[in-house]
Amino acid sequence: MVLKRLMILFLLVSFSSQALAQKNGVKKLSILRSKMIKGLRKSPYLKPKMNYTAYKNYTRKLARTRKLNRRQLETFLKLAQVDMVLYARTQSKLYRQEGLNSSYVAELYRYKSRQAQSVRAKIVQIDRLLTKKKARKQKVAKKRLPPKKIAKKEKKKKLVLKRKFSLYSTFISWQEDRLAKDQTGAEFLLYAQLRGYCTGIAYDFVFNNFHMTSHACFFGPLSTIDISGEQSGVYDKSDIATMGIMTGAGVSFDIKPEQFIVTTGMDLIYRSNDWENSGDLDVDGDTLITLGLYGQTEISRGPYAFDFKLGYGLAFLSAYWQFGIKYYF
């Protein structure tokens, strides 16, 4: 159907263009076009790389000082006709641009203005036909693809921004080392093991498969610390009440969209408790503030997700870890 329309379009072109299109192929037309350009190479009106809008402004100013003779105008008009035919056959944007520019020269000098305007109108019609042809090809290609692949392809084209809010609760644990001093100034190294539950909120900005995530959770009063010395009996305390906050931010990537997510980021951790000092032994570090770097994996099923986090706290003796459940709203 498109080829029939193009044939009808060629019949509307002037006699000289019809003769060239019927007797010569693209190669011969290109040779003829090169000869025309060679004859105009010294003309300041020949600007093949200039777009149509800029060319119109340029030629209007140039026409005040540099005039073209009848022979040159005839060459520009024929060049426009040849470019139009070549554009229809090859769909090259170069021929389209030069065809518009050359036709405008004849139109500016009112040399066979109707023919020049006709060339420009036909180039616009070719544009429309080629656009429709391209749309049909895309439609046919789209029909051949399975529905899942079509949906996946369209999803990739669009940058979708989503916001996700969630609540989560995790079991958390890490180990610290503390120093204790007696009245004589002797120091003892103690080990503290924290175990507890951290409950909080998370907020995500989702750009297709990438997430910018932030979170904050509170641990206590169910969180406790056990502390003991290198030598048994020096200092042993169990189930010391503790509380604190863990907040942070990170970047996530969907390995499998909305099913398997990996995250890396940074945490800020604050912990406070009373070591219940007894006798002459004084334990330092009732409060602790530290930064931590972490990696996290998350497996989602509908609005629910299970995650595991492993991190390294700068002030911790061991890595800290979390395991818990999350609910997305």
C-alpha atoms as a PDB file:
ATOM      1  CA  MET A   1       0.000   0.000   0.000  1.00  0.00           C
ATOM      2  CA  VAL A   2       2.821   2.369   0.828  1.00  0.00           C
ATOM      3  CA  LEU A   3       4.596   1.606  -2.473  1.00  0.00           C
ATOM      4  CA  LYS A   4       1.402   2.386  -4.408  1.00  0.00           C
ATOM      5  CA  ARG A   5       1.130   5.755  -2.699  1.00  0.00           C
ATOM      6  CA  LEU A   6       4.751   6.505  -3.493  1.00  0.00           C
ATOM      7  CA  MET A   7       4.137   5.679  -7.168  1.00  0.00           C
ATOM      8  CA  ILE A   8       1.145   8.016  -7.248  1.00  0.00           C
ATOM      9  CA  LEU A   9       3.289  10.660  -5.603  1.00  0.00           C
ATOM     10  CA  PHE A  10       5.976  10.331  -8.304  1.00  0.00           C
ATOM     11  CA  LEU A  11       3.350  10.884 -11.064  1.00  0.00           C
ATOM     12  CA  LEU A  12       2.552  14.270  -9.555  1.00  0.00           C
ATOM     13  CA  VAL A  13       6.146  15.455  -9.919  1.00  0.00           C
ATOM     14  CA  SER A  14       7.119  17.667 -12.878  1.00  0.00           C
ATOM     15  CA  PHE A  15       7.942  16.076 -16.265  1.00  0.00           C
ATOM     16  CA  SER A  16      11.705  16.320 -15.834  1.00  0.00           C
ATOM     17  CA  SER A  17      11.633  14.515 -12.484  1.00  0.00           C
ATOM     18  CA  GLN A  18       9.360  11.786 -13.890  1.00  0.00           C
ATOM     19  CA  ALA A  19      11.752  11.174 -16.794  1.00  0.00           C
ATOM     20  CA  LEU A  20      14.721  10.929 -14.447  1.00  0.00           C
ATOM     21  CA  ALA A  21      12.912   8.550 -12.096  1.00  0.00           C
ATOM     22  CA  GLN A  22      11.764   6.246 -14.897  1.00  0.00           C
ATOM     23  CA  LYS A  23      14.986   6.068 -16.947  1.00  0.00           C
ATOM     24  CA  ASN A  24      17.624   6.151 -14.252  1.00  0.00           C
ATOM     25  CA  GLY A  25      18.216   4.211 -11.090  1.00  0.00           C
ATOM     26  CA  VAL A  26      19.408   5.619  -7.816  1.00  0.00           C
ATOM     27  CA  LYS A  27      23.027   5.303  -8.926  1.00  0.00           C
ATOM     28  CA  LYS A  28      22.502   7.299 -12.105  1.00  0.00           C
ATOM     29  CA  LEU A  29      20.475   9.917 -10.234  1.00  0.00           C
ATOM     30  CA  SER A  30      23.311  10.240  -7.720  1.00  0.00           C
ATOM     31  CA  ILE A  31      25.808  10.784 -10.556  1.00  0.00           C
ATOM     32  CA  LEU A  32      23.572  13.434 -12.123  1.00  0.00           C
ATOM     33  CA  ARG A  33      23.128  15.089  -8.744  1.00  0.00           C
ATOM     34  CA  SER A  34      26.914  15.197  -8.213  1.00  0.00           C
ATOM     35  CA  LYS A  35      27.329  16.996 -11.552  1.00  0.00           C
ATOM     36  CA  MET A  36      24.732  19.593 -10.561  1.00  0.00           C
ATOM     37  CA  ILE A  37      26.446  20.198  -7.218  1.00  0.00           C
ATOM     38  CA  LYS A  38      29.807  20.467  -8.983  1.00  0.00           C
ATOM     39  CA  GLY A  39      28.388  23.224 -11.177  1.00  0.00           C
ATOM     40  CA  LEU A  40      27.139  25.080  -8.086  1.00  0.00           C
ATOM     41  CA  ARG A  41      30.127  24.432  -5.810  1.00  0.00           C
ATOM     42  CA  LYS A  42      31.274  28.066  -5.922  1.00  0.00           C
ATOM     43  CA  SER A  43      27.801  29.381  -5.127  1.00  0.00           C
ATOM     44  CA  PRO A  44      27.361  30.697  -1.573  1.00  0.00           C
ATOM     45  CA  TYR A  45      23.773  29.387  -1.754  1.00  0.00           C
ATOM     46  CA  LEU A  46      24.983  25.785  -1.624  1.00  0.00           C
ATOM     47  CA  LYS A  47      24.950  24.855   2.084  1.00  0.00           C
ATOM     48  CA  PRO A  48      24.242  21.096   2.312  1.00  0.00           C
ATOM     49  CA  LYS A  49      24.792  20.806   6.078  1.00  0.00           C
ATOM     50  CA  MET A  50      22.569  23.733   7.104  1.00  0.00           C
ATOM     51  CA  ASN A  51      19.080  22.906   8.402  1.00  0.00           C
ATOM     52  CA  TYR A  52      16.021  24.291   6.653  1.00  0.00           C
ATOM     53  CA  THR A  53      15.113  27.024   9.168  1.00  0.00           C
ATOM     54  CA  ALA A  54      18.649  28.378   9.393  1.00  0.00           C
ATOM     55  CA  TYR A  55      19.005  28.158   5.592  1.00  0.00           C
ATOM     56  CA  LYS A  56      15.936  30.337   5.022  1.00  0.00           C
ATOM     57  CA  ASN A  57      17.307  33.096   7.259  1.00  0.00           C
ATOM     58  CA  TYR A  58      20.726  32.798   5.638  1.00  0.00           C
ATOM     59  CA  THR A  59      19.458  33.037   2.023  1.00  0.00           C
ATOM     60  CA  ARG A  60      17.182  36.000   2.772  1.00  0.00           C
ATOM     61  CA  LYS A  61      20.173  38.019   3.945  1.00  0.00           C
ATOM     62  CA  LEU A  62      22.388  36.715   1.136  1.00  0.00           C
ATOM     63  CA  ALA A  63      19.847  37.660  -1.548  1.00  0.00           C
ATOM     64  CA  ARG A  64      20.369  41.343  -0.713  1.00  0.00           C
ATOM     65  CA  THR A  65      23.965  41.280  -1.960  1.00  0.00           C
ATOM     66  CA  ARG A  66      24.379  38.137  -4.096  1.00  0.00           C
ATOM     67  CA  LYS A  67      21.930  37.439  -6.927  1.00  0.00           C
ATOM     68  CA  LEU A  68      21.471  34.240  -8.932  1.00  0.00           C
ATOM     69  CA  ASN A  69      20.987  34.063 -12.688  1.00  0.00           C
ATOM     70  CA  ARG A  70      18.281  32.075 -14.473  1.00  0.00           C
ATOM     71  CA  ARG A  71      20.581  29.154 -15.251  1.00  0.00           C
ATOM     72  CA  GLN A  72      21.590  28.765 -11.608  1.00  0.00           C
ATOM     73  CA  LEU A  73      17.973  28.926 -10.465  1.00  0.00           C
ATOM     74  CA  GLU A  74      17.043  26.216 -12.975  1.00  0.00           C
ATOM     75  CA  THR A  75      19.859  24.022 -11.585  1.00  0.00           C
ATOM     76  CA  PHE A  76      18.703  24.520  -7.987  1.00  0.00           C
ATOM     77  CA  LEU A  77      15.128  23.596  -8.931  1.00  0.00           C
ATOM     78  CA  LYS A  78      16.239  20.426 -10.770  1.00  0.00           C
ATOM     79  CA  LEU A  79      18.503  19.553  -7.842  1.00  0.00           C
ATOM     80  CA  ALA A  80      15.506  19.830  -5.507  1.00  0.00           C
ATOM     81  CA  GLN A  81      13.484  17.501  -7.746  1.00  0.00           C
ATOM     82  CA  VAL A  82      16.289  14.937  -7.884  1.00  0.00           C
ATOM     83  CA  ASP A  83      16.768  15.088  -4.104  1.00  0.00           C
ATOM     84  CA  MET A  84      13.042  14.525  -3.628  1.00  0.00           C
ATOM     85  CA  VAL A  85      13.099  11.349  -5.752  1.00  0.00           C
ATOM     86  CA  LEU A  86      16.242  10.067  -4.018  1.00  0.00           C
ATOM     87  CA  TYR A  87      14.682  10.751  -0.609  1.00  0.00           C
ATOM     88  CA  ALA A  88      11.591   8.747  -1.572  1.00  0.00           C
ATOM     89  CA  ARG A  89      13.752   5.806  -2.701  1.00  0.00           C
ATOM     90  CA  THR A  90      16.485   5.802  -0.061  1.00  0.00           C
ATOM     91  CA  GLN A  91      14.796   7.569   2.918  1.00  0.00           C
ATOM     92  CA  SER A  92      18.068   9.426   3.518  1.00  0.00           C
ATOM     93  CA  LYS A  93      17.652  12.571   5.636  1.00  0.00           C
ATOM     94  CA  LEU A  94      20.477  14.236   3.672  1.00  0.00           C
ATOM     95  CA  TYR A  95      18.396  14.255   0.474  1.00  0.00           C
ATOM     96  CA  ARG A  96      15.381  15.543   2.388  1.00  0.00           C
ATOM     97  CA  GLN A  97      17.309  18.479   3.842  1.00  0.00           C
ATOM     98  CA  GLU A  98      19.009  19.470   0.596  1.00  0.00           C
ATOM     99  CA  GLY A  99      15.751  19.077  -1.344  1.00  0.00           C
ATOM    100  CA  LEU A 100      14.007  21.534   0.979  1.00  0.00           C
ATOM    101  CA  ASN A 101      16.916  23.993   0.817  1.00  0.00           C
ATOM    102  CA  SER A 102      17.213  23.901  -2.995  1.00  0.00           C
ATOM    103  CA  SER A 103      13.468  24.329  -3.516  1.00  0.00           C
ATOM    104  CA  TYR A 104      13.473  27.361  -1.239  1.00  0.00           C
ATOM    105  CA  VAL A 105      16.084  29.104  -3.439  1.00  0.00           C
ATOM    106  CA  ALA A 106      13.719  28.954  -6.452  1.00  0.00           C
ATOM    107  CA  GLU A 107      10.797  29.989  -4.256  1.00  0.00           C
ATOM    108  CA  LEU A 108      12.744  32.953  -2.840  1.00  0.00           C
ATOM    109  CA  TYR A 109      13.491  34.302  -6.338  1.00  0.00           C
ATOM    110  CA  ARG A 110       9.944  33.439  -7.523  1.00  0.00           C
ATOM    111  CA  TYR A 111      11.361  31.217 -10.219  1.00  0.00           C
ATOM    112  CA  LYS A 112       8.718  28.632 -11.093  1.00  0.00           C
ATOM    113  CA  SER A 113       7.372  29.068  -7.577  1.00  0.00           C
ATOM    114  CA  ARG A 114       4.567  26.551  -8.019  1.00  0.00           C
ATOM    115  CA  GLN A 115       7.011  23.795  -8.940  1.00  0.00           C
ATOM    116  CA  ALA A 116       9.257  24.697  -6.010  1.00  0.00           C
ATOM    117  CA  GLN A 117       6.319  24.703  -3.585  1.00  0.00           C
ATOM    118  CA  SER A 118       5.136  21.409  -5.067  1.00  0.00           C
ATOM    119  CA  VAL A 119       8.540  19.805  -4.402  1.00  0.00           C
ATOM    120  CA  ARG A 120       8.454  20.978  -0.787  1.00  0.00           C
ATOM    121  CA  ALA A 121       4.877  19.693  -0.351  1.00  0.00           C
ATOM    122  CA  LYS A 122       5.805  16.296  -1.801  1.00  0.00           C
ATOM    123  CA  ILE A 123       8.759  15.970   0.590  1.00  0.00           C
ATOM    124  CA  VAL A 124       6.375  16.602   3.497  1.00  0.00           C
ATOM    125  CA  GLN A 125       4.003  13.949   2.100  1.00  0.00           C
ATOM    126  CA  ILE A 126       6.880  11.479   1.848  1.00  0.00           C
ATOM    127  CA  ASP A 127       7.659  12.208   5.502  1.00  0.00           C
ATOM    128  CA  ARG A 128       4.105  11.292   6.463  1.00  0.00           C
ATOM    129  CA  LEU A 129       4.113   8.104   4.400  1.00  0.00           C
ATOM    130  CA  LEU A 130       7.436   6.972   5.859  1.00  0.00           C
ATOM    131  CA  THR A 131       6.184   7.717   9.386  1.00  0.00           C
ATOM    132  CA  LYS A 132       3.074   5.604   8.766  1.00  0.00           C
ATOM    133  CA  LYS A 133       5.204   2.827   7.276  1.00  0.00           C
ATOM    134  CA  LYS A 134       7.448   2.824  10.328  1.00  0.00           C
ATOM    135  CA  ALA A 135       4.411   2.743  12.644  1.00  0.00           C
ATOM    136  CA  ARG A 136       2.982  -0.248  10.749  1.00  0.00           C
ATOM    137  CA  LYS A 137       6.270  -2.130  11.024  1.00  0.00           C
ATOM    138  CA  GLN A 138       6.407  -1.491  14.753  1.00  0.00           C
ATOM    139  CA  LYS A 139       2.789  -2.625  15.108  1.00  0.00           C
ATOM    140  CA  VAL A 140       3.469  -5.866  13.211  1.00  0.00           C
ATOM    141  CA  ALA A 141       6.642  -6.514  15.242  1.00  0.00           C
ATOM    142  CA  LYS A 142       4.705  -5.873  18.438  1.00  0.00           C
ATOM    143  CA  LYS A 143       2.008  -8.387  17.460  1.00  0.00           C
ATOM    144  CA  ARG A 144       4.632 -11.066  16.860  1.00  0.00           C
ATOM    145  CA  LEU A 145       6.074 -10.700  20.353  1.00  0.00           C
ATOM    146  CA  PRO A 146       4.513 -12.698  23.213  1.00  0.00           C
ATOM    147  CA  PRO A 147       2.466 -10.550  25.659  1.00  0.00           C
ATOM    148  CA  LYS A 148       5.048 -10.930  28.446  1.00  0.00           C
ATOM    149  CA  LYS A 149       7.894  -9.694  26.247  1.00  0.00           C
ATOM    150  CA  ILE A 150       5.807  -6.718  25.057  1.00  0.00           C
ATOM    151  CA  ALA A 151       5.050  -5.710  28.646  1.00  0.00           C
ATOM    152  CA  LYS A 152       8.711  -6.126  29.615  1.00  0.00           C
ATOM    153  CA  LYS A 153       9.887  -4.055  26.617  1.00  0.00           C
ATOM    154  CA  GLU A 154       7.428  -1.216  27.327  1.00  0.00           C
ATOM    155  CA  LYS A 155       8.377  -1.217  30.993  1.00  0.00           C
ATOM    156  CA  LYS A 156      12.055  -0.760  30.134  1.00  0.00           C
ATOM    157  CA  LYS A 157      11.304   2.228  27.895  1.00  0.00           C
ATOM    158  CA  LYS A 158       9.596   4.197  30.650  1.00  0.00           C
ATOM    159  CA  LEU A 159      11.381   5.526  33.715  1.00  0.00           C
ATOM    160  CA  VAL A 160       8.841   4.836  36.435  1.00  0.00           C
ATOM    161  CA  LEU A 161       9.186   6.544  39.809  1.00  0.00           C
ATOM    162  CA  LYS A 162       7.510   4.820  42.741  1.00  0.00           C
ATOM    163  CA  ARG A 163       7.495   5.446  46.470  1.00  0.00           C
ATOM    164  CA  LYS A 164       7.300   2.553  48.909  1.00  0.00           C
ATOM    165  CA  PHE A 165       6.614   2.714  52.634  1.00  0.00           C
ATOM    166  CA  SER A 166       7.116  -0.320  54.874  1.00  0.00           C
ATOM    167  CA  LEU A 167       7.221  -1.492  58.477  1.00  0.00           C
ATOM    168  CA  TYR A 168       9.746  -4.081  59.620  1.00  0.00           C
ATOM    169  CA  SER A 169      10.902  -6.000  62.664  1.00  0.00           C
ATOM    170  CA  THR A 170      14.222  -7.825  62.912  1.00  0.00           C
ATOM    171  CA  PHE A 171      16.310  -9.772  65.366  1.00  0.00           C
ATOM    172  CA  ILE A 172      19.658  -8.013  65.842  1.00  0.00           C
ATOM    173  CA  SER A 173      22.965  -9.046  67.402  1.00  0.00           C
ATOM    174  CA  TRP A 174      26.581  -7.913  67.729  1.00  0.00           C
ATOM    175  CA  GLN A 175      29.565  -8.103  70.114  1.00  0.00           C
ATOM    176  CA  GLU A 176      31.544  -5.272  71.732  1.00  0.00           C
ATOM    177  CA  ASP A 177      34.644  -5.130  73.896  1.00  0.00           C
ATOM    178  CA  ARG A 178      34.622  -2.871  77.005  1.00  0.00           C
ATOM    179  CA  LEU A 179      37.289  -1.812  79.499  1.00  0.00           C
ATOM    180  CA  ALA A 180      36.753  -1.928  83.260  1.00  0.00           C
ATOM    181  CA  LYS A 181      38.972  -0.394  85.967  1.00  0.00           C
ATOM    182  CA  ASP A 182      39.286  -1.024  89.673  1.00  0.00           C
ATOM    183  CA  GLN A 183      40.381   1.482  92.351  1.00  0.00           C
ATOM    184  CA  THR A 184      44.061   0.687  91.770  1.00  0.00           C
ATOM    185  CA  GLY A 185      43.771   1.563  88.070  1.00  0.00           C
ATOM    186  CA  ALA A 186      44.162  -2.017  86.852  1.00  0.00           C
ATOM    187  CA  GLU A 187      42.271  -2.638  83.618  1.00  0.00           C
ATOM    188  CA  PHE A 188      40.163  -5.630  82.694  1.00  0.00           C
ATOM    189  CA  LEU A 189      38.901  -6.449  79.183  1.00  0.00           C
ATOM    190  CA  LEU A 190      35.220  -7.384  79.074  1.00  0.00           C
ATOM    191  CA  TYR A 191      33.113  -8.778  76.236  1.00  0.00           C
ATOM    192  CA  ALA A 192      29.500  -7.652  75.709  1.00  0.00           C
ATOM    193  CA  GLN A 193      27.020  -9.556  73.508  1.00  0.00           C
ATOM    194  CA  LEU A 194      23.859  -7.681  72.443  1.00  0.00           C
ATOM    195  CA  ARG A 195      20.716  -9.508  71.395  1.00  0.00           C
ATOM    196  CA  GLY A 196      17.350  -7.954  70.732  1.00  0.00           C
ATOM    197  CA  TYR A 197      14.598  -6.861  68.394  1.00  0.00           C
ATOM    198  CA  CYS A 198      14.674  -3.741  66.251  1.00  0.00           C
ATOM    199  CA  THR A 199      11.313  -2.428  64.978  1.00  0.00           C
ATOM    200  CA  GLY A 200      10.971   0.503  62.616  1.00  0.00           C
ATOM    201  CA  ILE A 201      10.008   1.982  59.265  1.00  0.00           C
ATOM    202  CA  ALA A 202      11.599   2.177  55.790  1.00  0.00           C
ATOM    203  CA  TYR A 203      10.961   4.495  52.834  1.00  0.00           C
ATOM    204  CA  ASP A 204      12.084   3.758  49.277  1.00  0.00           C
ATOM    205  CA  PHE A 205      12.279   5.791  46.075  1.00  0.00           C
ATOM    206  CA  VAL A 206      12.143   3.271  43.209  1.00  0.00           C
ATOM    207  CA  PHE A 207      13.433   4.116  39.700  1.00  0.00           C
ATOM    208  CA  ASN A 208      12.598   1.018  37.643  1.00  0.00           C
ATOM    209  CA  ASN A 209      15.054  -1.549  39.083  1.00  0.00           C
ATOM    210  CA  PHE A 210      17.003   0.863  41.296  1.00  0.00           C
ATOM    211  CA  HIS A 211      16.015   1.963  44.816  1.00  0.00           C
ATOM    212  CA  MET A 212      17.138   4.779  47.080  1.00  0.00           C
ATOM    213  CA  THR A 213      16.232   3.473  50.515  1.00  0.00           C
ATOM    214  CA  SER A 214      16.238   4.905  54.045  1.00  0.00           C
ATOM    215  CA  HIS A 215      15.289   3.266  57.338  1.00  0.00           C
ATOM    216  CA  ALA A 216      15.158   3.776  61.096  1.00  0.00           C
ATOM    217  CA  CYS A 217      14.378   1.303  63.895  1.00  0.00           C
ATOM    218  CA  PHE A 218      14.309   1.262  67.696  1.00  0.00           C
ATOM    219  CA  PHE A 219      15.595  -1.626  69.827  1.00  0.00           C
ATOM    220  CA  GLY A 220      14.434  -2.114  73.435  1.00  0.00           C
ATOM    221  CA  PRO A 221      12.992  -2.930  75.985  1.00  0.00           C
ATOM    222  CA  LEU A 222      13.216  -6.591  74.863  1.00  0.00           C
ATOM    223  CA  SER A 223      16.871  -6.088  73.939  1.00  0.00           C
ATOM    224  CA  THR A 224      19.531  -7.197  76.426  1.00  0.00           C
ATOM    225  CA  ILE A 225      23.318  -7.390  76.801  1.00  0.00           C
ATOM    226  CA  ASP A 226      25.359 -10.110  78.482  1.00  0.00           C
ATOM    227  CA  ILE A 227      28.831  -9.028  79.646  1.00  0.00           C
ATOM    228  CA  SER A 228      31.674 -11.080  81.048  1.00  0.00           C
ATOM    229  CA  GLY A 229      35.435 -10.889  81.549  1.00  0.00           C
ATOM    230  CA  GLU A 230      38.310 -12.848  80.052  1.00  0.00           C
ATOM    231  CA  GLN A 231      38.546 -14.667  83.377  1.00  0.00           C
ATOM    232  CA  SER A 232      35.377 -16.082  84.875  1.00  0.00           C
ATOM    233  CA  GLY A 233      34.198 -14.433  88.043  1.00  0.00           C
ATOM    234  CA  VAL A 234      35.858 -11.066  87.401  1.00  0.00           C
ATOM    235  CA  TYR A 235      32.665  -9.477  86.140  1.00  0.00           C
ATOM    236  CA  ASP A 236      29.625 -11.387  84.921  1.00  0.00           C
ATOM    237  CA  LYS A 237      26.247  -9.811  84.208  1.00  0.00           C
ATOM    238  CA  SER A 238      23.365 -11.165  82.156  1.00  0.00           C
ATOM    239  CA  ASP A 239      20.217  -9.667  80.656  1.00  0.00           C
ATOM    240  CA  ILE A 240      21.228  -6.036  81.165  1.00  0.00           C
ATOM    241  CA  ALA A 241      18.457  -3.867  79.685  1.00  0.00           C
ATOM    242  CA  THR A 242      19.562  -1.765  76.741  1.00  0.00           C
ATOM    243  CA  MET A 243      17.976   0.498  74.141  1.00  0.00           C
ATOM    244  CA  GLY A 244      19.039   2.338  71.036  1.00  0.00           C
ATOM    245  CA  ILE A 245      18.355   3.446  67.489  1.00  0.00           C
ATOM    246  CA  MET A 246      19.679   2.233  64.153  1.00  0.00           C
ATOM    247  CA  THR A 247      19.129   4.471  61.142  1.00  0.00           C
ATOM    248  CA  GLY A 248      20.706   4.542  57.698  1.00  0.00           C
ATOM    249  CA  ALA A 249      20.415   4.789  53.931  1.00  0.00           C
ATOM    250  CA  GLY A 250      21.452   2.713  50.960  1.00  0.00           C
ATOM    251  CA  VAL A 251      21.111   1.803  47.304  1.00  0.00           C
ATOM    252  CA  SER A 252      19.229  -1.288  46.125  1.00  0.00           C
ATOM    253  CA  PHE A 253      18.968  -3.199  42.855  1.00  0.00           C
ATOM    254  CA  ASP A 254      16.253  -5.641  41.780  1.00  0.00           C
ATOM    255  CA  ILE A 255      17.924  -8.879  40.698  1.00  0.00           C
ATOM    256  CA  LYS A 256      14.407 -10.132  40.022  1.00  0.00           C
ATOM    257  CA  PRO A 257      11.876  -7.241  40.079  1.00  0.00           C
ATOM    258  CA  GLU A 258       9.800  -7.181  43.267  1.00  0.00           C
ATOM    259  CA  GLN A 259      11.066 -10.642  44.259  1.00  0.00           C
ATOM    260  CA  PHE A 260      14.800 -10.573  45.001  1.00  0.00           C
ATOM    261  CA  ILE A 261      16.624  -7.367  45.985  1.00  0.00           C
ATOM    262  CA  VAL A 262      20.205  -6.689  47.079  1.00  0.00           C
ATOM    263  CA  THR A 263      21.182  -3.549  49.019  1.00  0.00           C
ATOM    264  CA  THR A 264      24.354  -1.864  50.201  1.00  0.00           C
ATOM    265  CA  GLY A 265      24.563   1.176  52.432  1.00  0.00           C
ATOM    266  CA  MET A 266      25.594   2.769  55.727  1.00  0.00           C
ATOM    267  CA  ASP A 267      24.076   2.689  59.228  1.00  0.00           C
ATOM    268  CA  LEU A 268      24.339   5.052  62.179  1.00  0.00           C
ATOM    269  CA  ILE A 269      23.952   3.124  65.455  1.00  0.00           C
ATOM    270  CA  TYR A 270      23.276   4.538  68.929  1.00  0.00           C
ATOM    271  CA  ARG A 271      23.173   2.287  72.014  1.00  0.00           C
ATOM    272  CA  SER A 272      22.599   3.224  75.676  1.00  0.00           C
ATOM    273  CA  ASN A 273      22.454   1.131  78.860  1.00  0.00           C
ATOM    274  CA  ASP A 274      23.618   0.986  82.498  1.00  0.00           C
ATOM    275  CA  TRP A 275      26.351  -1.570  83.153  1.00  0.00           C
ATOM    276  CA  GLU A 276      25.168  -1.897  86.779  1.00  0.00           C
ATOM    277  CA  ASN A 277      28.625  -1.259  88.208  1.00  0.00           C
ATOM    278  CA  SER A 278      29.217  -3.098  91.446  1.00  0.00           C
ATOM    279  CA  GLY A 279      31.863  -2.841  94.093  1.00  0.00           C
ATOM    280  CA  ASP A 280      35.084  -1.191  93.016  1.00  0.00           C
ATOM    281  CA  LEU A 281      34.818  -2.114  89.301  1.00  0.00           C
ATOM    282  CA  ASP A 282      33.853   0.626  86.861  1.00  0.00           C
ATOM    283  CA  VAL A 283      32.898  -0.299  83.228  1.00  0.00           C
ATOM    284  CA  ASP A 284      33.203   2.417  80.604  1.00  0.00           C
ATOM    285  CA  GLY A 285      30.949   3.015  77.616  1.00  0.00           C
ATOM    286  CA  ASP A 286      27.374   3.307  78.899  1.00  0.00           C
ATOM    287  CA  THR A 287      26.577   4.889  75.545  1.00  0.00           C
ATOM    288  CA  LEU A 288      27.925   4.079  72.093  1.00  0.00           C
ATOM    289  CA  ILE A 289      27.659   5.833  68.719  1.00  0.00           C
ATOM    290  CA  THR A 290      29.222   4.264  65.655  1.00  0.00           C
ATOM    291  CA  LEU A 291      28.946   3.961  61.874  1.00  0.00           C
ATOM    292  CA  GLY A 292      28.481   0.690  60.053  1.00  0.00           C
ATOM    293  CA  LEU A 293      28.712  -0.510  56.460  1.00  0.00           C
ATOM    294  CA  TYR A 294      26.264  -3.233  55.451  1.00  0.00           C
ATOM    295  CA  GLY A 295      25.003  -5.518  52.705  1.00  0.00           C
ATOM    296  CA  GLN A 296      21.472  -6.875  52.641  1.00  0.00           C
ATOM    297  CA  THR A 297      19.366  -9.334  50.672  1.00  0.00           C
ATOM    298  CA  GLU A 298      15.578  -9.343  50.525  1.00  0.00           C
ATOM    299  CA  ILE A 299      13.126 -11.939  49.232  1.00  0.00           C
ATOM    300  CA  SER A 300       9.593 -10.659  48.591  1.00  0.00           C
ATOM    301  CA  ARG A 301       6.297 -12.465  48.252  1.00  0.00           C
ATOM    302  CA  GLY A 302       3.463 -10.020  47.631  1.00  0.00           C
ATOM    303  CA  PRO A 303       3.442  -7.313  50.326  1.00  0.00           C
ATOM    304  CA  TYR A 304       5.651  -9.404  52.636  1.00  0.00           C
ATOM    305  CA  ALA A 305       9.436  -9.633  52.525  1.00  0.00           C
ATOM    306  CA  PHE A 306      12.140 -11.499  54.451  1.00  0.00           C
ATOM    307  CA  ASP A 307      15.542  -9.864  54.730  1.00  0.00           C
ATOM    308  CA  PHE A 308      19.003 -10.628  56.065  1.00  0.00           C
ATOM    309  CA  LYS A 309      21.580  -7.927  56.783  1.00  0.00           C
ATOM    310  CA  LEU A 310      25.283  -8.331  57.532  1.00  0.00           C
ATOM    311  CA  GLY A 311      27.383  -5.313  58.478  1.00  0.00           C
ATOM    312  CA  TYR A 312      30.603  -4.123  60.032  1.00  0.00           C
ATOM    313  CA  GLY A 313      30.442  -1.565  62.846  1.00  0.00           C
ATOM    314  CA  LEU A 314      33.559   0.537  63.337  1.00  0.00           C
ATOM    315  CA  ALA A 315      33.340   0.238  67.146  1.00  0.00           C
ATOM    316  CA  PHE A 316      32.252  -3.420  67.282  1.00  0.00           C
ATOM    317  CA  LEU A 317      34.349  -6.460  68.012  1.00  0.00           C
ATOM    318  CA  SER A 318      32.403  -8.549  65.510  1.00  0.00           C
ATOM    319  CA  ALA A 319      30.106  -8.089  62.539  1.00  0.00           C
ATOM    320  CA  TYR A 320      26.503  -7.186  63.304  1.00  0.00           C
ATOM    321  CA  TRP A 321      23.630  -9.008  61.691  1.00  0.00           C
ATOM    322  CA  GLN A 322      19.880  -8.810  61.387  1.00  0.00           C
ATOM    323  CA  PHE A 323      17.164 -11.158  60.219  1.00  0.00           C
ATOM    324  CA  GLY A 324      13.500 -10.229  60.035  1.00  0.00           C
ATOM    325  CA  ILE A 325      10.258  -9.588  58.226  1.00  0.00           C
ATOM    326  CA  LYS A 326       8.935  -6.529  56.400  1.00  0.00           C
ATOM    327  CA  TYR A 327       5.494  -5.433  55.214  1.00  0.00           C
ATOM    328  CA  TYR A 328       5.012  -3.038  52.259  1.00  0.00           C
ATOM    329  CA  PHE A 329       2.006  -0.729  52.104  1.00  0.00           C
END
